[in-house]
Amino acid sequence: MNSRPVAFLIAAFTAPAVVLAQAPGHFPPDSLINVKVIPKSTPVMQVVGMMRNFTGALGVRCPFCHVGQEGQPLGQFDFAKDEKRTKLTARQMMRMVEEINHRLDTLPEHEKMTSHVEVTCNTCHRGVSRPMPLEQLIMETAQMSGADSATRAYRALRERYYGRASYDFGEPTLNIAAFRLARAGKFDDAFVILRLNEVQFPSSSNLSTFRGNIDLMKGDTAAAIAAFREAVKRDSTNGEAQGRLRQLTRP
C-alpha cells in the first residue's frame, strides 16, 4: 500500500483537522495553511472531500472541530485556528490511522488478499462521534446518572440508530451492561437494565441465566434458583442454567 491512498483516505477515527486559508466570505479557499498531517500540496477540493468523509463517518458537522457556527456560511469559518480540542485530537487520530494502514501492509496474508483492506474513520465510528460499545455507554450512564437515564438513553439510541452499524442492539448488549453494573455493586440498576432487555427479548433463556447469576452475586439464592429454572423452561438445552441448578439444589 503506498502512501497516496493513506493520505486521501485517512478518514481518521475522529473529526476533521483541515486547515484552510481563505478571505472572509470566500469558500472553498485558495490554499492550505497550518497543516500538520495533510500534505500542504494536496489540492484543496480533495481536502474538502476528505472533510465530507470525516463528518459523514462521525455524524457531525463542521463546527465539531472548527471555529464557526452551525448555519453560518463556510466562508466565515476560521478553519486555521487550533482552538478546539477535537481538532487537535483529529490530527493524532490521523497519524494513528496512517500507522495502522502502514502496518496492514506487513501482515503475512496481505499479498494474498483479493480485496483492498484499509482502516478509515468509519471502521470504528460508524456514524457516531464517540466510538464505544453500547453496553459500555449504557453502563457508564447508569453509574453516573442512574438506571432511568440509562433506559432513556438506550431507547433514544435505538430509535435513532437501529438498523445501522453504529451500535449492537442485540440481546447480549444489555445483558453485559447489567452484569457489569452488578459487579460494581449496582444491583438495582442491573435489574432495571435486565427488565429493559426483557421487553426486547421476552422469551430469552440467556437473559434469565444472567438474571440468575446476578441474583447469586447479590446473595439471593432463592431468586437465582427461580431464574435458572425459568432459563431451562425457556430452553431445555441451556447447559449453564442446568449446571447452576445442580450446584444450588443438590443435597
Foldseek 3Di string as FASTA:
>chain_A
DDCVCLLLQLLFQAADQFAADADAPDPPHDFGPQDDRRPRPDDSVSSVVSNVSNCQLAVHDDVVQWADDVPDPPSHTRSRDRPDPRNVVRRVRSVVQSVVQVVCCVDPCSVVDPDDDGDHNNVQNQHHRDRDALLVVLLVCCVVPNLVRSLVVVVVCCVVAPPGPRYDPDLVSLLVSLLVCLVVVNNVSSVSSLVSSCVVVVLALVSLQSVLVSCVSVVNNVSNLVSLVSSCVSPVPPVVSVVVNCVSPPD
